[in-house]
Amino acid sequence: MLLAINTGLRKSEILGLSWKDVKEGEIEVNGKGDRRRTAPLNKTAQEIIDRQQKRTDYVFDIPNRN
């Protein structure tokens, strides 16, 4: 929830976030209508991303992704 508040990303965008979408200081996501958009990372958002382990291609490793 903190990442959503600090970036303005939707739940589906956060859950589908892959490591290749994380750039220096920003996140690029496919938004509503398959439009590509960027969201800036403030200090709090960057700390949340940095705490995640790179076990899969996705930033947030959740069970039953489908």
PDB file of N, CA and C in Angstrom:
ATOM      1  N   MET A   1       0.821  -1.175   0.000  1.00  0.00           N
ATOM      2  CA  MET A   1       0.000   0.000   0.000  1.00  0.00           C
ATOM      3  C   MET A   1       0.879   1.258   0.000  1.00  0.00           C
ATOM      4  N   LEU A   2       1.981   1.207   0.724  1.00  0.00           N
ATOM      5  CA  LEU A   2       2.877   2.371   0.756  1.00  0.00           C
ATOM      6  C   LEU A   2       3.443   2.700  -0.623  1.00  0.00           C
ATOM      7  N   LEU A   3       3.715   1.664  -1.414  1.00  0.00           N
ATOM      8  CA  LEU A   3       4.227   1.923  -2.756  1.00  0.00           C
ATOM      9  C   LEU A   3       3.162   2.606  -3.610  1.00  0.00           C
ATOM     10  N   ALA A   4       1.933   2.191  -3.472  1.00  0.00           N
ATOM     11  CA  ALA A   4       0.837   2.817  -4.214  1.00  0.00           C
ATOM     12  C   ALA A   4       0.670   4.283  -3.821  1.00  0.00           C
ATOM     13  N   ILE A   5       0.735   4.557  -2.551  1.00  0.00           N
ATOM     14  CA  ILE A   5       0.584   5.934  -2.073  1.00  0.00           C
ATOM     15  C   ILE A   5       1.721   6.815  -2.571  1.00  0.00           C
ATOM     16  N   ASN A   6       2.922   6.281  -2.570  1.00  0.00           N
ATOM     17  CA  ASN A   6       4.097   7.089  -2.921  1.00  0.00           C
ATOM     18  C   ASN A   6       4.376   7.186  -4.414  1.00  0.00           C
ATOM     19  N   THR A   7       3.726   6.346  -5.229  1.00  0.00           N
ATOM     20  CA  THR A   7       3.968   6.391  -6.672  1.00  0.00           C
ATOM     21  C   THR A   7       2.715   6.682  -7.496  1.00  0.00           C
ATOM     22  N   GLY A   8       1.553   6.416  -6.939  1.00  0.00           N
ATOM     23  CA  GLY A   8       0.317   6.578  -7.702  1.00  0.00           C
ATOM     24  C   GLY A   8       0.003   5.385  -8.585  1.00  0.00           C
ATOM     25  N   LEU A   9       0.745   4.288  -8.408  1.00  0.00           N
ATOM     26  CA  LEU A   9       0.492   3.090  -9.209  1.00  0.00           C
ATOM     27  C   LEU A   9      -0.753   2.355  -8.729  1.00  0.00           C
ATOM     28  N   ARG A  10      -1.417   1.700  -9.656  1.00  0.00           N
ATOM     29  CA  ARG A  10      -2.582   0.870  -9.325  1.00  0.00           C
ATOM     30  C   ARG A  10      -2.108  -0.487  -8.790  1.00  0.00           C
ATOM     31  N   LYS A  11      -3.006  -1.177  -8.108  1.00  0.00           N
ATOM     32  CA  LYS A  11      -2.687  -2.493  -7.538  1.00  0.00           C
ATOM     33  C   LYS A  11      -2.174  -3.450  -8.616  1.00  0.00           C
ATOM     34  N   SER A  12      -2.871  -3.514  -9.734  1.00  0.00           N
ATOM     35  CA  SER A  12      -2.467  -4.424 -10.811  1.00  0.00           C
ATOM     36  C   SER A  12      -1.090  -4.052 -11.376  1.00  0.00           C
ATOM     37  N   GLU A  13      -0.782  -2.763 -11.427  1.00  0.00           N
ATOM     38  CA  GLU A  13       0.525  -2.322 -11.907  1.00  0.00           C
ATOM     39  C   GLU A  13       1.626  -2.721 -10.942  1.00  0.00           C
ATOM     40  N   ILE A  14       1.353  -2.629  -9.659  1.00  0.00           N
ATOM     41  CA  ILE A  14       2.345  -3.005  -8.647  1.00  0.00           C
ATOM     42  C   ILE A  14       2.573  -4.510  -8.652  1.00  0.00           C
ATOM     43  N   LEU A  15       1.502  -5.288  -8.706  1.00  0.00           N
ATOM     44  CA  LEU A  15       1.647  -6.745  -8.670  1.00  0.00           C
ATOM     45  C   LEU A  15       2.303  -7.286  -9.938  1.00  0.00           C
ATOM     46  N   GLY A  16       2.172  -6.575 -11.051  1.00  0.00           N
ATOM     47  CA  GLY A  16       2.791  -7.002 -12.295  1.00  0.00           C
ATOM     48  C   GLY A  16       4.146  -6.370 -12.553  1.00  0.00           C
ATOM     49  N   LEU A  17       4.655  -5.654 -11.577  1.00  0.00           N
ATOM     50  CA  LEU A  17       5.912  -4.927 -11.725  1.00  0.00           C
ATOM     51  C   LEU A  17       7.095  -5.888 -11.820  1.00  0.00           C
ATOM     52  N   SER A  18       7.857  -5.779 -12.904  1.00  0.00           N
ATOM     53  CA  SER A  18       9.037  -6.633 -13.051  1.00  0.00           C
ATOM     54  C   SER A  18      10.291  -5.786 -12.853  1.00  0.00           C
ATOM     55  N   TRP A  19      11.395  -6.472 -12.612  1.00  0.00           N
ATOM     56  CA  TRP A  19      12.648  -5.769 -12.348  1.00  0.00           C
ATOM     57  C   TRP A  19      13.106  -4.931 -13.538  1.00  0.00           C
ATOM     58  N   LYS A  20      12.765  -5.362 -14.748  1.00  0.00           N
ATOM     59  CA  LYS A  20      13.175  -4.585 -15.923  1.00  0.00           C
ATOM     60  C   LYS A  20      12.423  -3.266 -16.022  1.00  0.00           C
ATOM     61  N   ASP A  21      11.299  -3.144 -15.303  1.00  0.00           N
ATOM     62  CA  ASP A  21      10.519  -1.903 -15.295  1.00  0.00           C
ATOM     63  C   ASP A  21      11.075  -0.860 -14.333  1.00  0.00           C
ATOM     64  N   VAL A  22      11.951  -1.286 -13.430  1.00  0.00           N
ATOM     65  CA  VAL A  22      12.521  -0.373 -12.430  1.00  0.00           C
ATOM     66  C   VAL A  22      13.780   0.261 -13.011  1.00  0.00           C
ATOM     67  N   LYS A  23      13.720   1.558 -13.188  1.00  0.00           N
ATOM     68  CA  LYS A  23      14.850   2.321 -13.728  1.00  0.00           C
ATOM     69  C   LYS A  23      15.409   3.203 -12.614  1.00  0.00           C
ATOM     70  N   GLU A  24      16.447   3.916 -12.900  1.00  0.00           N
ATOM     71  CA  GLU A  24      17.050   4.824 -11.920  1.00  0.00           C
ATOM     72  C   GLU A  24      16.083   5.970 -11.618  1.00  0.00           C
ATOM     73  N   GLY A  25      15.482   5.937 -10.439  1.00  0.00           N
ATOM     74  CA  GLY A  25      14.614   7.033 -10.007  1.00  0.00           C
ATOM     75  C   GLY A  25      13.196   6.992 -10.521  1.00  0.00           C
ATOM     76  N   GLU A  26      12.827   5.940 -11.293  1.00  0.00           N
ATOM     77  CA  GLU A  26      11.466   5.852 -11.796  1.00  0.00           C
ATOM     78  C   GLU A  26      11.085   4.415 -12.118  1.00  0.00           C
ATOM     79  N   ILE A  27       9.785   4.226 -12.306  1.00  0.00           N
ATOM     80  CA  ILE A  27       9.238   2.928 -12.692  1.00  0.00           C
ATOM     81  C   ILE A  27       8.459   3.136 -13.974  1.00  0.00           C
ATOM     82  N   GLU A  28       8.632   2.240 -14.939  1.00  0.00           N
ATOM     83  CA  GLU A  28       7.843   2.269 -16.170  1.00  0.00           C
ATOM     84  C   GLU A  28       6.865   1.103 -16.132  1.00  0.00           C
ATOM     85  N   VAL A  29       5.596   1.388 -16.323  1.00  0.00           N
ATOM     86  CA  VAL A  29       4.573   0.346 -16.277  1.00  0.00           C
ATOM     87  C   VAL A  29       3.629   0.472 -17.465  1.00  0.00           C
ATOM     88  N   ASN A  30       2.969  -0.651 -17.779  1.00  0.00           N
ATOM     89  CA  ASN A  30       1.864  -0.623 -18.722  1.00  0.00           C
ATOM     90  C   ASN A  30       0.624  -0.282 -17.916  1.00  0.00           C
ATOM     91  N   GLY A  31       0.095   0.876 -18.149  1.00  0.00           N
ATOM     92  CA  GLY A  31      -1.074   1.337 -17.401  1.00  0.00           C
ATOM     93  C   GLY A  31      -2.362   0.910 -18.045  1.00  0.00           C
ATOM     94  N   LYS A  32      -3.410   1.560 -17.633  1.00  0.00           N
ATOM     95  CA  LYS A  32      -4.744   1.298 -18.147  1.00  0.00           C
ATOM     96  C   LYS A  32      -4.758   1.504 -19.658  1.00  0.00           C
ATOM     97  N   GLY A  33      -5.381   0.597 -20.370  1.00  0.00           N
ATOM     98  CA  GLY A  33      -5.424   0.703 -21.822  1.00  0.00           C
ATOM     99  C   GLY A  33      -4.102   0.382 -22.489  1.00  0.00           C
ATOM    100  N   ASP A  34      -3.237  -0.348 -21.802  1.00  0.00           N
ATOM    101  CA  ASP A  34      -1.910  -0.739 -22.302  1.00  0.00           C
ATOM    102  C   ASP A  34      -1.040   0.455 -22.678  1.00  0.00           C
ATOM    103  N   ARG A  35      -1.271   1.572 -22.030  1.00  0.00           N
ATOM    104  CA  ARG A  35      -0.419   2.740 -22.255  1.00  0.00           C
ATOM    105  C   ARG A  35       0.795   2.662 -21.344  1.00  0.00           C
ATOM    106  N   ARG A  36       1.948   2.914 -21.896  1.00  0.00           N
ATOM    107  CA  ARG A  36       3.194   2.902 -21.126  1.00  0.00           C
ATOM    108  C   ARG A  36       3.324   4.238 -20.403  1.00  0.00           C
ATOM    109  N   ARG A  37       3.573   4.202 -19.106  1.00  0.00           N
ATOM    110  CA  ARG A  37       3.745   5.440 -18.345  1.00  0.00           C
ATOM    111  C   ARG A  37       4.838   5.260 -17.303  1.00  0.00           C
ATOM    112  N   THR A  38       5.336   6.367 -16.813  1.00  0.00           N
ATOM    113  CA  THR A  38       6.381   6.327 -15.794  1.00  0.00           C
ATOM    114  C   THR A  38       5.876   6.956 -14.503  1.00  0.00           C
ATOM    115  N   ALA A  39       6.388   6.435 -13.407  1.00  0.00           N
ATOM    116  CA  ALA A  39       6.068   6.968 -12.084  1.00  0.00           C
ATOM    117  C   ALA A  39       7.386   7.239 -11.373  1.00  0.00           C
ATOM    118  N   PRO A  40       7.569   8.442 -10.872  1.00  0.00           N
ATOM    119  CA  PRO A  40       8.821   8.748 -10.169  1.00  0.00           C
ATOM    120  C   PRO A  40       8.901   8.010  -8.828  1.00  0.00           C
ATOM    121  N   LEU A  41      10.113   7.687  -8.423  1.00  0.00           N
ATOM    122  CA  LEU A  41      10.346   7.030  -7.133  1.00  0.00           C
ATOM    123  C   LEU A  41      10.875   8.062  -6.144  1.00  0.00           C
ATOM    124  N   ASN A  42      10.105   8.309  -5.099  1.00  0.00           N
ATOM    125  CA  ASN A  42      10.630   9.151  -4.031  1.00  0.00           C
ATOM    126  C   ASN A  42      11.449   8.267  -3.087  1.00  0.00           C
ATOM    127  N   LYS A  43      11.960   8.825  -2.021  1.00  0.00           N
ATOM    128  CA  LYS A  43      12.836   8.084  -1.107  1.00  0.00           C
ATOM    129  C   LYS A  43      12.132   6.862  -0.519  1.00  0.00           C
ATOM    130  N   THR A  44      10.910   7.024  -0.076  1.00  0.00           N
ATOM    131  CA  THR A  44      10.160   5.915   0.527  1.00  0.00           C
ATOM    132  C   THR A  44       9.920   4.801  -0.479  1.00  0.00           C
ATOM    133  N   ALA A  45       9.492   5.154  -1.682  1.00  0.00           N
ATOM    134  CA  ALA A  45       9.233   4.154  -2.716  1.00  0.00           C
ATOM    135  C   ALA A  45      10.515   3.418  -3.095  1.00  0.00           C
ATOM    136  N   GLN A  46      11.619   4.137  -3.207  1.00  0.00           N
ATOM    137  CA  GLN A  46      12.895   3.513  -3.548  1.00  0.00           C
ATOM    138  C   GLN A  46      13.324   2.533  -2.454  1.00  0.00           C
ATOM    139  N   GLU A  47      13.099   2.879  -1.199  1.00  0.00           N
ATOM    140  CA  GLU A  47      13.439   1.981  -0.091  1.00  0.00           C
ATOM    141  C   GLU A  47      12.607   0.708  -0.131  1.00  0.00           C
ATOM    142  N   ILE A  48      11.339   0.812  -0.505  1.00  0.00           N
ATOM    143  CA  ILE A  48      10.471  -0.364  -0.615  1.00  0.00           C
ATOM    144  C   ILE A  48      10.992  -1.292  -1.711  1.00  0.00           C
ATOM    145  N   ILE A  49      11.339  -0.722  -2.846  1.00  0.00           N
ATOM    146  CA  ILE A  49      11.866  -1.521  -3.957  1.00  0.00           C
ATOM    147  C   ILE A  49      13.198  -2.160  -3.564  1.00  0.00           C
ATOM    148  N   ASP A  50      14.058  -1.414  -2.912  1.00  0.00           N
ATOM    149  CA  ASP A  50      15.379  -1.927  -2.520  1.00  0.00           C
ATOM    150  C   ASP A  50      15.302  -3.075  -1.531  1.00  0.00           C
ATOM    151  N   ARG A  51      14.246  -3.142  -0.740  1.00  0.00           N
ATOM    152  CA  ARG A  51      14.100  -4.220   0.246  1.00  0.00           C
ATOM    153  C   ARG A  51      13.677  -5.547  -0.370  1.00  0.00           C
ATOM    154  N   GLN A  52      13.208  -5.522  -1.602  1.00  0.00           N
ATOM    155  CA  GLN A  52      12.722  -6.744  -2.239  1.00  0.00           C
ATOM    156  C   GLN A  52      13.882  -7.586  -2.752  1.00  0.00           C
ATOM    157  N   GLN A  53      13.750  -8.895  -2.578  1.00  0.00           N
ATOM    158  CA  GLN A  53      14.782  -9.812  -3.061  1.00  0.00           C
ATOM    159  C   GLN A  53      14.502 -10.170  -4.515  1.00  0.00           C
ATOM    160  N   LYS A  54      15.560 -10.368  -5.279  1.00  0.00           N
ATOM    161  CA  LYS A  54      15.408 -10.680  -6.705  1.00  0.00           C
ATOM    162  C   LYS A  54      15.361 -12.190  -6.919  1.00  0.00           C
ATOM    163  N   ARG A  55      14.270 -12.813  -6.468  1.00  0.00           N
ATOM    164  CA  ARG A  55      14.095 -14.267  -6.621  1.00  0.00           C
ATOM    165  C   ARG A  55      13.448 -14.626  -7.949  1.00  0.00           C
ATOM    166  N   THR A  56      12.591 -13.757  -8.443  1.00  0.00           N
ATOM    167  CA  THR A  56      11.891 -14.000  -9.706  1.00  0.00           C
ATOM    168  C   THR A  56      12.038 -12.765 -10.592  1.00  0.00           C
ATOM    169  N   ASP A  57      11.395 -12.793 -11.742  1.00  0.00           N
ATOM    170  CA  ASP A  57      11.411 -11.636 -12.641  1.00  0.00           C
ATOM    171  C   ASP A  57      10.562 -10.492 -12.097  1.00  0.00           C
ATOM    172  N   TYR A  58       9.680 -10.803 -11.150  1.00  0.00           N
ATOM    173  CA  TYR A  58       8.778  -9.804 -10.590  1.00  0.00           C
ATOM    174  C   TYR A  58       9.329  -9.223  -9.291  1.00  0.00           C
ATOM    175  N   VAL A  59       9.045  -7.957  -9.046  1.00  0.00           N
ATOM    176  CA  VAL A  59       9.516  -7.298  -7.830  1.00  0.00           C
ATOM    177  C   VAL A  59       8.854  -7.907  -6.605  1.00  0.00           C
ATOM    178  N   PHE A  60       7.546  -8.169  -6.706  1.00  0.00           N
ATOM    179  CA  PHE A  60       6.811  -8.756  -5.585  1.00  0.00           C
ATOM    180  C   PHE A  60       6.453 -10.190  -5.931  1.00  0.00           C
ATOM    181  N   ASP A  61       7.088 -11.122  -5.241  1.00  0.00           N
ATOM    182  CA  ASP A  61       6.882 -12.556  -5.468  1.00  0.00           C
ATOM    183  C   ASP A  61       5.649 -12.999  -4.710  1.00  0.00           C
ATOM    184  N   ILE A  62       4.538 -13.147  -5.422  1.00  0.00           N
ATOM    185  CA  ILE A  62       3.281 -13.540  -4.780  1.00  0.00           C
ATOM    186  C   ILE A  62       2.854 -14.911  -5.295  1.00  0.00           C
ATOM    187  N   PRO A  63       2.219 -15.723  -4.445  1.00  0.00           N
ATOM    188  CA  PRO A  63       1.736 -17.025  -4.892  1.00  0.00           C
ATOM    189  C   PRO A  63       0.530 -16.862  -5.807  1.00  0.00           C
ATOM    190  N   ASN A  64       0.328 -17.801  -6.692  1.00  0.00           N
ATOM    191  CA  ASN A  64      -0.820 -17.808  -7.602  1.00  0.00           C
ATOM    192  C   ASN A  64      -0.962 -16.504  -8.378  1.00  0.00           C
ATOM    193  N   ARG A  65       0.094 -16.116  -9.022  1.00  0.00           N
ATOM    194  CA  ARG A  65       0.099 -14.852  -9.785  1.00  0.00           C
ATOM    195  C   ARG A  65      -1.012 -14.813 -10.826  1.00  0.00           C
ATOM    196  N   ASN A  66      -1.339 -15.941 -11.434  1.00  0.00           N
ATOM    197  CA  ASN A  66      -2.371 -15.976 -12.475  1.00  0.00           C
ATOM    198  C   ASN A  66      -3.735 -15.834 -11.848  1.00  0.00           C
TER     199      ASN A  66
END
